[in-house]
Amino acid sequence: MPGYVVSAVFDLYGARGRTGRDPLAADWGRGHRFSYCDGRVLSLVVEVPAVDRAEAFDFVVARARHLWAALGGEPLPAPSTLQVQAVAPRAKLLSGPVGRGPDCLIAESTARVAARLRATRAALADLDGRLGRGRGDDVAGPDEPRSLPEIEALLPPRR
C-alpha cells in the first residue's frame, strides 16, 4: 500500500490545548513526524499508509480531531493549509535498504558506462574492419613494423 506524508496547519482561533513541540507525538504513535502548537496554530506532519490522497487526508484530519479533543476538549477546526505528498518507494531512495546505498548506485553507474565503452570499442573495430584498416598482422604492409621492438627500432635513441 502506498504511503503519504500529510502536512496540515490548523488555526485554533482561541481553542485551548497542549502547547509546545510534539503535543500529539505520544498519542499519535507510529507515523508521527512533527507537531507543534503555539496556542494559535497547530502544525502537524505525519506519514500514513493509504490507497490514495483523499483517504490519507481523511484519516489524518479525523485522527487529529479525535486526539485534539481528547487532549484539550475543544473541537479542532478544518485545516487552513494542507499538503499531501506521496512517499518515494524505498528502492528509489539513495540511502535505502542494504545493497541499495550510494556505493551500489555508483557501481551500477560505472558498469553501465563500461558497457557503453565496450560497445563503442566493438563498433569502432567493426568499422575499421569494414574500411580495410584492421589492426591485425594480415593488414600490415611489408614495410610497416609488426611488433613493439620493430617500432622502438624506428624511434630516435633516448638521451
N, C-alpha and C. Protein backbone atom coordinates (compact mmCIF):
# COMPACT_ATOMS: atom_id res chain seq x y z
N MET A 1 0.85 -1.17 0.00
CA MET A 1 0.00 0.00 0.00
C MET A 1 0.90 1.23 0.00
N PRO A 2 0.64 2.18 -0.87
CA PRO A 2 1.47 3.39 -0.90
C PRO A 2 1.30 4.22 0.36
N GLY A 3 2.30 5.01 0.63
CA GLY A 3 2.24 5.89 1.79
C GLY A 3 2.23 7.35 1.38
N TYR A 4 1.75 8.18 2.26
CA TYR A 4 1.68 9.61 2.01
C TYR A 4 2.15 10.36 3.24
N VAL A 5 2.80 11.49 2.99
CA VAL A 5 3.16 12.40 4.07
C VAL A 5 2.18 13.56 4.00
N VAL A 6 1.48 13.78 5.09
CA VAL A 6 0.46 14.82 5.14
C VAL A 6 0.94 15.92 6.09
N SER A 7 0.98 17.15 5.58
CA SER A 7 1.31 18.33 6.39
C SER A 7 0.04 19.15 6.50
N ALA A 8 -0.37 19.43 7.73
CA ALA A 8 -1.60 20.19 7.95
C ALA A 8 -1.36 21.27 8.98
N VAL A 9 -2.00 22.42 8.77
CA VAL A 9 -1.94 23.53 9.72
C VAL A 9 -3.38 23.87 10.10
N PHE A 10 -3.64 23.88 11.40
CA PHE A 10 -4.97 24.19 11.92
C PHE A 10 -4.91 25.52 12.67
N ASP A 11 -5.74 26.46 12.30
CA ASP A 11 -5.86 27.72 13.04
C ASP A 11 -6.82 27.47 14.20
N LEU A 12 -6.34 27.69 15.41
CA LEU A 12 -7.13 27.31 16.59
C LEU A 12 -8.15 28.35 17.01
N TYR A 13 -7.99 29.59 16.64
CA TYR A 13 -8.96 30.65 16.97
C TYR A 13 -9.32 30.67 18.45
N GLY A 14 -8.33 30.60 19.30
CA GLY A 14 -8.57 30.70 20.73
C GLY A 14 -8.88 29.38 21.41
N ALA A 15 -8.91 28.28 20.66
CA ALA A 15 -9.15 26.97 21.28
C ALA A 15 -7.98 26.62 22.18
N ARG A 16 -8.24 26.02 23.28
CA ARG A 16 -7.18 25.65 24.23
C ARG A 16 -6.75 24.21 23.99
N GLY A 17 -5.49 23.99 24.17
CA GLY A 17 -4.93 22.65 24.04
C GLY A 17 -3.50 22.65 24.51
N ARG A 18 -2.86 21.50 24.43
CA ARG A 18 -1.48 21.39 24.86
C ARG A 18 -0.59 22.17 23.91
N THR A 19 0.29 23.02 24.44
CA THR A 19 1.20 23.81 23.60
C THR A 19 2.60 23.22 23.67
N GLY A 20 3.44 23.64 22.73
CA GLY A 20 4.83 23.20 22.70
C GLY A 20 5.10 22.29 21.52
N ARG A 21 6.27 21.70 21.55
CA ARG A 21 6.70 20.82 20.46
C ARG A 21 6.12 19.42 20.67
N ASP A 22 5.65 18.86 19.58
CA ASP A 22 5.11 17.49 19.52
C ASP A 22 4.03 17.19 20.55
N PRO A 23 2.97 17.99 20.61
CA PRO A 23 1.91 17.70 21.57
C PRO A 23 1.12 16.43 21.23
N LEU A 24 1.17 16.02 19.96
CA LEU A 24 0.42 14.83 19.56
C LEU A 24 1.29 13.59 19.40
N ALA A 25 2.59 13.71 19.63
CA ALA A 25 3.52 12.62 19.34
C ALA A 25 3.20 11.36 20.12
N ALA A 26 3.04 11.47 21.43
CA ALA A 26 2.83 10.29 22.26
C ALA A 26 1.51 9.60 21.93
N ASP A 27 0.49 10.38 21.64
CA ASP A 27 -0.83 9.80 21.39
C ASP A 27 -1.00 9.34 19.94
N TRP A 28 -0.27 9.94 19.01
CA TRP A 28 -0.43 9.58 17.60
C TRP A 28 0.17 8.21 17.33
N GLY A 29 1.39 8.00 17.84
CA GLY A 29 2.06 6.72 17.62
C GLY A 29 2.87 6.72 16.34
N ARG A 30 2.92 5.54 15.70
CA ARG A 30 3.75 5.35 14.51
C ARG A 30 3.28 6.26 13.37
N GLY A 31 4.25 6.84 12.67
CA GLY A 31 3.95 7.71 11.53
C GLY A 31 4.02 9.19 11.87
N HIS A 32 4.01 9.53 13.17
CA HIS A 32 4.11 10.94 13.57
C HIS A 32 5.52 11.42 13.29
N ARG A 33 5.64 12.52 12.54
CA ARG A 33 6.95 13.09 12.26
C ARG A 33 7.18 14.37 13.05
N PHE A 34 6.16 15.22 13.12
CA PHE A 34 6.34 16.51 13.78
C PHE A 34 4.98 17.11 14.10
N SER A 35 4.89 17.75 15.24
CA SER A 35 3.72 18.57 15.54
C SER A 35 4.18 19.69 16.47
N TYR A 36 3.53 20.84 16.34
CA TYR A 36 3.87 21.99 17.16
C TYR A 36 2.63 22.84 17.34
N CYS A 37 2.45 23.32 18.56
CA CYS A 37 1.32 24.21 18.84
C CYS A 37 1.83 25.38 19.67
N ASP A 38 1.53 26.60 19.20
CA ASP A 38 1.93 27.80 19.94
C ASP A 38 0.73 28.46 20.62
N GLY A 39 -0.40 27.78 20.63
CA GLY A 39 -1.59 28.35 21.23
C GLY A 39 -2.55 28.95 20.21
N ARG A 40 -2.02 29.34 19.06
CA ARG A 40 -2.86 29.90 17.99
C ARG A 40 -2.96 28.97 16.80
N VAL A 41 -1.87 28.24 16.54
CA VAL A 41 -1.78 27.38 15.36
C VAL A 41 -1.23 26.01 15.77
N LEU A 42 -1.82 24.96 15.22
CA LEU A 42 -1.31 23.60 15.39
C LEU A 42 -0.78 23.14 14.03
N SER A 43 0.51 22.81 13.99
CA SER A 43 1.14 22.28 12.77
C SER A 43 1.37 20.79 12.98
N LEU A 44 1.08 20.01 11.96
CA LEU A 44 1.16 18.56 12.08
C LEU A 44 1.73 17.97 10.80
N VAL A 45 2.72 17.08 10.93
CA VAL A 45 3.29 16.36 9.80
C VAL A 45 3.31 14.88 10.18
N VAL A 46 2.60 14.06 9.41
CA VAL A 46 2.53 12.63 9.69
C VAL A 46 2.64 11.85 8.39
N GLU A 47 3.08 10.60 8.52
CA GLU A 47 3.15 9.68 7.38
C GLU A 47 2.12 8.59 7.61
N VAL A 48 1.28 8.36 6.63
CA VAL A 48 0.22 7.36 6.76
C VAL A 48 0.17 6.47 5.54
N PRO A 49 -0.12 5.17 5.73
CA PRO A 49 -0.37 4.31 4.58
C PRO A 49 -1.82 4.52 4.14
N ALA A 50 -2.02 4.72 2.86
CA ALA A 50 -3.37 4.94 2.34
C ALA A 50 -3.41 4.56 0.87
N VAL A 51 -4.61 4.27 0.39
CA VAL A 51 -4.78 3.88 -1.01
C VAL A 51 -4.59 5.08 -1.93
N ASP A 52 -5.10 6.25 -1.51
CA ASP A 52 -4.96 7.45 -2.32
C ASP A 52 -4.87 8.68 -1.42
N ARG A 53 -4.69 9.85 -2.04
CA ARG A 53 -4.52 11.09 -1.30
C ARG A 53 -5.75 11.44 -0.47
N ALA A 54 -6.92 11.20 -1.01
CA ALA A 54 -8.15 11.53 -0.29
C ALA A 54 -8.27 10.72 1.00
N GLU A 55 -7.95 9.44 0.92
CA GLU A 55 -8.01 8.60 2.13
C GLU A 55 -6.99 9.06 3.16
N ALA A 56 -5.79 9.43 2.69
CA ALA A 56 -4.75 9.93 3.61
C ALA A 56 -5.23 11.20 4.30
N PHE A 57 -5.81 12.12 3.54
CA PHE A 57 -6.34 13.37 4.09
C PHE A 57 -7.42 13.10 5.13
N ASP A 58 -8.39 12.26 4.76
CA ASP A 58 -9.49 11.96 5.68
C ASP A 58 -9.00 11.33 6.97
N PHE A 59 -8.05 10.40 6.85
CA PHE A 59 -7.54 9.73 8.03
C PHE A 59 -6.83 10.72 8.97
N VAL A 60 -5.96 11.55 8.41
CA VAL A 60 -5.19 12.49 9.23
C VAL A 60 -6.10 13.50 9.91
N VAL A 61 -7.04 14.07 9.20
CA VAL A 61 -7.93 15.07 9.80
C VAL A 61 -8.79 14.44 10.90
N ALA A 62 -9.35 13.25 10.64
CA ALA A 62 -10.18 12.59 11.65
C ALA A 62 -9.38 12.23 12.89
N ARG A 63 -8.17 11.70 12.69
CA ARG A 63 -7.33 11.32 13.85
C ARG A 63 -6.88 12.55 14.62
N ALA A 64 -6.50 13.63 13.92
CA ALA A 64 -6.07 14.86 14.60
C ALA A 64 -7.22 15.45 15.42
N ARG A 65 -8.40 15.46 14.86
CA ARG A 65 -9.56 15.98 15.60
C ARG A 65 -9.85 15.14 16.84
N HIS A 66 -9.77 13.84 16.68
CA HIS A 66 -10.02 12.94 17.82
C HIS A 66 -8.99 13.16 18.94
N LEU A 67 -7.71 13.19 18.55
CA LEU A 67 -6.66 13.36 19.57
C LEU A 67 -6.72 14.74 20.21
N TRP A 68 -6.99 15.77 19.42
CA TRP A 68 -7.04 17.12 19.96
C TRP A 68 -8.21 17.26 20.94
N ALA A 69 -9.32 16.65 20.61
CA ALA A 69 -10.47 16.68 21.52
C ALA A 69 -10.14 15.94 22.82
N ALA A 70 -9.39 14.84 22.71
CA ALA A 70 -9.02 14.10 23.91
C ALA A 70 -8.04 14.89 24.77
N LEU A 71 -7.18 15.69 24.14
CA LEU A 71 -6.18 16.47 24.89
C LEU A 71 -6.75 17.77 25.45
N GLY A 72 -7.52 18.49 24.64
CA GLY A 72 -7.95 19.82 25.04
C GLY A 72 -9.43 19.97 25.27
N GLY A 73 -10.20 19.06 24.79
CA GLY A 73 -11.63 19.14 25.00
C GLY A 73 -12.37 20.03 24.04
N GLU A 74 -11.69 20.81 23.21
CA GLU A 74 -12.36 21.69 22.25
C GLU A 74 -12.20 21.11 20.85
N PRO A 75 -13.18 21.31 19.99
CA PRO A 75 -13.09 20.75 18.63
C PRO A 75 -12.01 21.45 17.80
N LEU A 76 -11.37 20.67 16.95
CA LEU A 76 -10.33 21.17 16.06
C LEU A 76 -11.00 21.60 14.75
N PRO A 77 -10.76 22.82 14.27
CA PRO A 77 -11.39 23.26 13.02
C PRO A 77 -10.75 22.55 11.81
N ALA A 78 -11.32 22.79 10.66
CA ALA A 78 -10.75 22.25 9.41
C ALA A 78 -9.37 22.85 9.19
N PRO A 79 -8.46 22.12 8.55
CA PRO A 79 -7.12 22.66 8.33
C PRO A 79 -7.15 23.86 7.38
N SER A 80 -6.36 24.87 7.72
CA SER A 80 -6.28 26.05 6.86
C SER A 80 -5.28 25.84 5.73
N THR A 81 -4.30 25.00 5.97
CA THR A 81 -3.30 24.66 4.96
C THR A 81 -3.10 23.16 4.99
N LEU A 82 -3.01 22.56 3.81
CA LEU A 82 -2.87 21.11 3.74
C LEU A 82 -2.00 20.75 2.55
N GLN A 83 -1.10 19.81 2.76
CA GLN A 83 -0.26 19.32 1.67
C GLN A 83 -0.15 17.81 1.83
N VAL A 84 -0.39 17.08 0.74
CA VAL A 84 -0.30 15.62 0.75
C VAL A 84 0.70 15.22 -0.32
N GLN A 85 1.77 14.51 0.09
CA GLN A 85 2.82 14.09 -0.84
C GLN A 85 2.98 12.59 -0.77
N ALA A 86 3.19 11.96 -1.92
CA ALA A 86 3.45 10.52 -1.96
C ALA A 86 4.86 10.26 -1.44
N VAL A 87 5.01 9.17 -0.72
CA VAL A 87 6.32 8.78 -0.20
C VAL A 87 7.04 7.99 -1.29
N ALA A 88 8.31 8.31 -1.51
CA ALA A 88 9.10 7.60 -2.52
C ALA A 88 9.32 6.16 -2.08
N PRO A 89 9.19 5.20 -3.01
CA PRO A 89 9.47 3.80 -2.65
C PRO A 89 10.90 3.65 -2.18
N ARG A 90 11.14 2.74 -1.28
CA ARG A 90 12.47 2.58 -0.69
C ARG A 90 13.54 2.25 -1.73
N ALA A 91 13.20 1.54 -2.78
CA ALA A 91 14.19 1.18 -3.80
C ALA A 91 14.71 2.41 -4.53
N LYS A 92 13.96 3.51 -4.56
CA LYS A 92 14.38 4.70 -5.27
C LYS A 92 15.15 5.67 -4.38
N LEU A 93 15.21 5.41 -3.09
CA LEU A 93 15.94 6.29 -2.19
C LEU A 93 17.43 6.03 -2.30
N LEU A 94 18.22 7.07 -2.21
CA LEU A 94 19.67 6.92 -2.33
C LEU A 94 20.24 6.09 -1.20
N SER A 95 19.78 6.32 0.00
CA SER A 95 20.30 5.57 1.14
C SER A 95 19.25 4.59 1.62
N GLY A 96 18.76 3.78 0.72
CA GLY A 96 17.69 2.84 1.02
C GLY A 96 18.20 1.60 1.72
N PRO A 97 17.52 0.47 1.54
CA PRO A 97 17.88 -0.76 2.20
C PRO A 97 19.29 -1.21 1.84
N VAL A 98 19.81 -2.17 2.57
CA VAL A 98 21.16 -2.68 2.37
C VAL A 98 21.31 -3.12 0.91
N GLY A 99 22.41 -2.75 0.31
CA GLY A 99 22.66 -3.11 -1.08
C GLY A 99 22.13 -2.09 -2.07
N ARG A 100 21.47 -1.04 -1.59
CA ARG A 100 20.95 -0.01 -2.49
C ARG A 100 21.49 1.36 -2.11
N GLY A 101 22.56 1.40 -1.35
CA GLY A 101 23.13 2.67 -0.93
C GLY A 101 23.95 3.31 -2.03
N PRO A 102 24.64 4.38 -1.70
CA PRO A 102 25.44 5.11 -2.70
C PRO A 102 26.49 4.25 -3.38
N ASP A 103 27.14 3.34 -2.62
CA ASP A 103 28.18 2.51 -3.23
C ASP A 103 27.60 1.60 -4.31
N CYS A 104 26.42 1.07 -4.09
CA CYS A 104 25.77 0.20 -5.08
C CYS A 104 25.36 1.01 -6.31
N LEU A 105 24.82 2.21 -6.09
CA LEU A 105 24.41 3.04 -7.21
C LEU A 105 25.60 3.48 -8.05
N ILE A 106 26.72 3.80 -7.40
CA ILE A 106 27.93 4.18 -8.13
C ILE A 106 28.45 3.00 -8.94
N ALA A 107 28.43 1.80 -8.35
CA ALA A 107 28.90 0.61 -9.06
C ALA A 107 28.02 0.33 -10.28
N GLU A 108 26.69 0.48 -10.13
CA GLU A 108 25.79 0.26 -11.26
C GLU A 108 26.05 1.28 -12.37
N SER A 109 26.27 2.53 -11.99
CA SER A 109 26.53 3.57 -12.97
C SER A 109 27.84 3.30 -13.70
N THR A 110 28.86 2.90 -12.97
CA THR A 110 30.15 2.58 -13.57
C THR A 110 30.03 1.41 -14.53
N ALA A 111 29.26 0.40 -14.15
CA ALA A 111 29.06 -0.76 -15.02
C ALA A 111 28.35 -0.36 -16.32
N ARG A 112 27.37 0.54 -16.21
CA ARG A 112 26.67 1.00 -17.42
C ARG A 112 27.62 1.75 -18.35
N VAL A 113 28.47 2.62 -17.78
CA VAL A 113 29.42 3.38 -18.60
C VAL A 113 30.43 2.43 -19.25
N ALA A 114 30.91 1.45 -18.48
CA ALA A 114 31.87 0.48 -19.04
C ALA A 114 31.24 -0.33 -20.17
N ALA A 115 29.98 -0.70 -20.01
CA ALA A 115 29.30 -1.45 -21.07
C ALA A 115 29.16 -0.59 -22.33
N ARG A 116 28.85 0.69 -22.17
CA ARG A 116 28.76 1.58 -23.33
C ARG A 116 30.11 1.73 -24.02
N LEU A 117 31.18 1.83 -23.23
CA LEU A 117 32.52 1.95 -23.82
C LEU A 117 32.91 0.69 -24.57
N ARG A 118 32.60 -0.49 -24.00
CA ARG A 118 32.89 -1.74 -24.71
C ARG A 118 32.12 -1.82 -26.02
N ALA A 119 30.85 -1.40 -26.00
CA ALA A 119 30.05 -1.43 -27.22
C ALA A 119 30.61 -0.46 -28.26
N THR A 120 31.07 0.71 -27.81
CA THR A 120 31.65 1.69 -28.73
C THR A 120 32.95 1.16 -29.33
N ARG A 121 33.79 0.54 -28.51
CA ARG A 121 35.05 -0.02 -28.99
C ARG A 121 34.80 -1.12 -30.02
N ALA A 122 33.80 -1.97 -29.75
CA ALA A 122 33.47 -3.04 -30.69
C ALA A 122 32.95 -2.46 -32.01
N ALA A 123 32.14 -1.40 -31.93
CA ALA A 123 31.62 -0.77 -33.14
C ALA A 123 32.74 -0.13 -33.95
N LEU A 124 33.69 0.50 -33.29
CA LEU A 124 34.83 1.11 -34.00
C LEU A 124 35.72 0.04 -34.64
N ALA A 125 35.93 -1.08 -33.94
CA ALA A 125 36.74 -2.16 -34.52
C ALA A 125 36.04 -2.73 -35.75
N ASP A 126 34.72 -2.85 -35.67
CA ASP A 126 33.96 -3.34 -36.82
C ASP A 126 34.07 -2.36 -37.99
N LEU A 127 33.99 -1.07 -37.70
CA LEU A 127 34.11 -0.06 -38.75
C LEU A 127 35.50 -0.08 -39.37
N ASP A 128 36.54 -0.21 -38.54
CA ASP A 128 37.90 -0.30 -39.08
C ASP A 128 38.04 -1.51 -39.99
N GLY A 129 37.42 -2.62 -39.60
CA GLY A 129 37.49 -3.83 -40.43
C GLY A 129 36.79 -3.63 -41.76
N ARG A 130 35.65 -2.95 -41.75
CA ARG A 130 34.92 -2.71 -42.99
C ARG A 130 35.66 -1.75 -43.92
N LEU A 131 36.42 -0.82 -43.33
CA LEU A 131 37.16 0.15 -44.14
C LEU A 131 38.52 -0.38 -44.58
N GLY A 132 38.86 -1.58 -44.12
CA GLY A 132 40.14 -2.17 -44.52
C GLY A 132 41.30 -1.68 -43.69
N ARG A 133 41.02 -1.10 -42.55
CA ARG A 133 42.09 -0.62 -41.69
C ARG A 133 42.13 -1.46 -40.42
N GLY A 134 42.06 -2.74 -40.55
CA GLY A 134 42.07 -3.63 -39.38
C GLY A 134 43.37 -3.53 -38.62
N ARG A 135 43.40 -4.05 -37.47
CA ARG A 135 44.58 -3.93 -36.62
C ARG A 135 45.41 -5.21 -36.60
N GLY A 136 45.02 -6.19 -37.35
CA GLY A 136 45.74 -7.46 -37.34
C GLY A 136 47.00 -7.41 -38.20
N ASP A 137 47.83 -8.47 -38.06
CA ASP A 137 49.07 -8.56 -38.84
C ASP A 137 48.79 -8.76 -40.32
N ASP A 138 47.63 -9.34 -40.67
CA ASP A 138 47.33 -9.62 -42.06
C ASP A 138 47.13 -8.35 -42.88
N VAL A 139 46.87 -7.20 -42.25
CA VAL A 139 46.61 -5.97 -42.97
C VAL A 139 47.89 -5.14 -43.11
N ALA A 140 48.84 -5.33 -42.20
CA ALA A 140 50.08 -4.54 -42.24
C ALA A 140 50.85 -4.84 -43.52
N GLY A 141 51.34 -3.78 -44.13
CA GLY A 141 52.11 -3.93 -45.37
C GLY A 141 53.51 -4.45 -45.09
N PRO A 142 54.28 -4.73 -46.14
CA PRO A 142 55.62 -5.30 -45.93
C PRO A 142 56.59 -4.33 -45.28
N ASP A 143 56.37 -3.02 -45.44
CA ASP A 143 57.28 -2.05 -44.86
C ASP A 143 56.85 -1.56 -43.48
N GLU A 144 55.69 -1.97 -43.03
CA GLU A 144 55.19 -1.50 -41.73
C GLU A 144 55.70 -2.38 -40.60
N PRO A 145 56.08 -1.77 -39.48
CA PRO A 145 56.54 -2.59 -38.35
C PRO A 145 55.39 -3.43 -37.78
N ARG A 146 55.74 -4.64 -37.34
CA ARG A 146 54.72 -5.56 -36.88
C ARG A 146 54.77 -5.81 -35.38
N SER A 147 55.80 -5.41 -34.70
CA SER A 147 55.91 -5.68 -33.27
C SER A 147 56.49 -4.47 -32.56
N LEU A 148 56.43 -4.49 -31.26
CA LEU A 148 56.93 -3.38 -30.45
C LEU A 148 58.43 -3.18 -30.64
N PRO A 149 59.26 -4.24 -30.65
CA PRO A 149 60.71 -4.00 -30.87
C PRO A 149 60.99 -3.35 -32.23
N GLU A 150 60.22 -3.72 -33.25
CA GLU A 150 60.44 -3.11 -34.57
C GLU A 150 60.08 -1.62 -34.53
N ILE A 151 59.01 -1.26 -33.79
CA ILE A 151 58.61 0.14 -33.67
C ILE A 151 59.67 0.91 -32.90
N GLU A 152 60.18 0.33 -31.79
CA GLU A 152 61.20 1.01 -30.98
C GLU A 152 62.49 1.21 -31.79
N ALA A 153 62.78 0.31 -32.69
CA ALA A 153 63.99 0.46 -33.51
C ALA A 153 63.87 1.66 -34.45
N LEU A 154 62.68 2.03 -34.83
CA LEU A 154 62.49 3.17 -35.72
C LEU A 154 62.57 4.51 -34.99
N LEU A 155 62.40 4.50 -33.68
CA LEU A 155 62.41 5.74 -32.90
C LEU A 155 63.84 6.22 -32.68
N PRO A 156 64.02 7.56 -32.50
CA PRO A 156 65.37 8.06 -32.20
C PRO A 156 65.83 7.55 -30.85
N PRO A 157 67.14 7.43 -30.66
CA PRO A 157 67.64 6.91 -29.37
C PRO A 157 67.31 7.87 -28.22
N ARG A 158 67.16 7.29 -27.03
CA ARG A 158 66.87 8.10 -25.84
C ARG A 158 68.16 8.69 -25.32
N ARG A 159 68.05 9.86 -24.73
CA ARG A 159 69.25 10.52 -24.17
C ARG A 159 69.31 10.37 -22.70
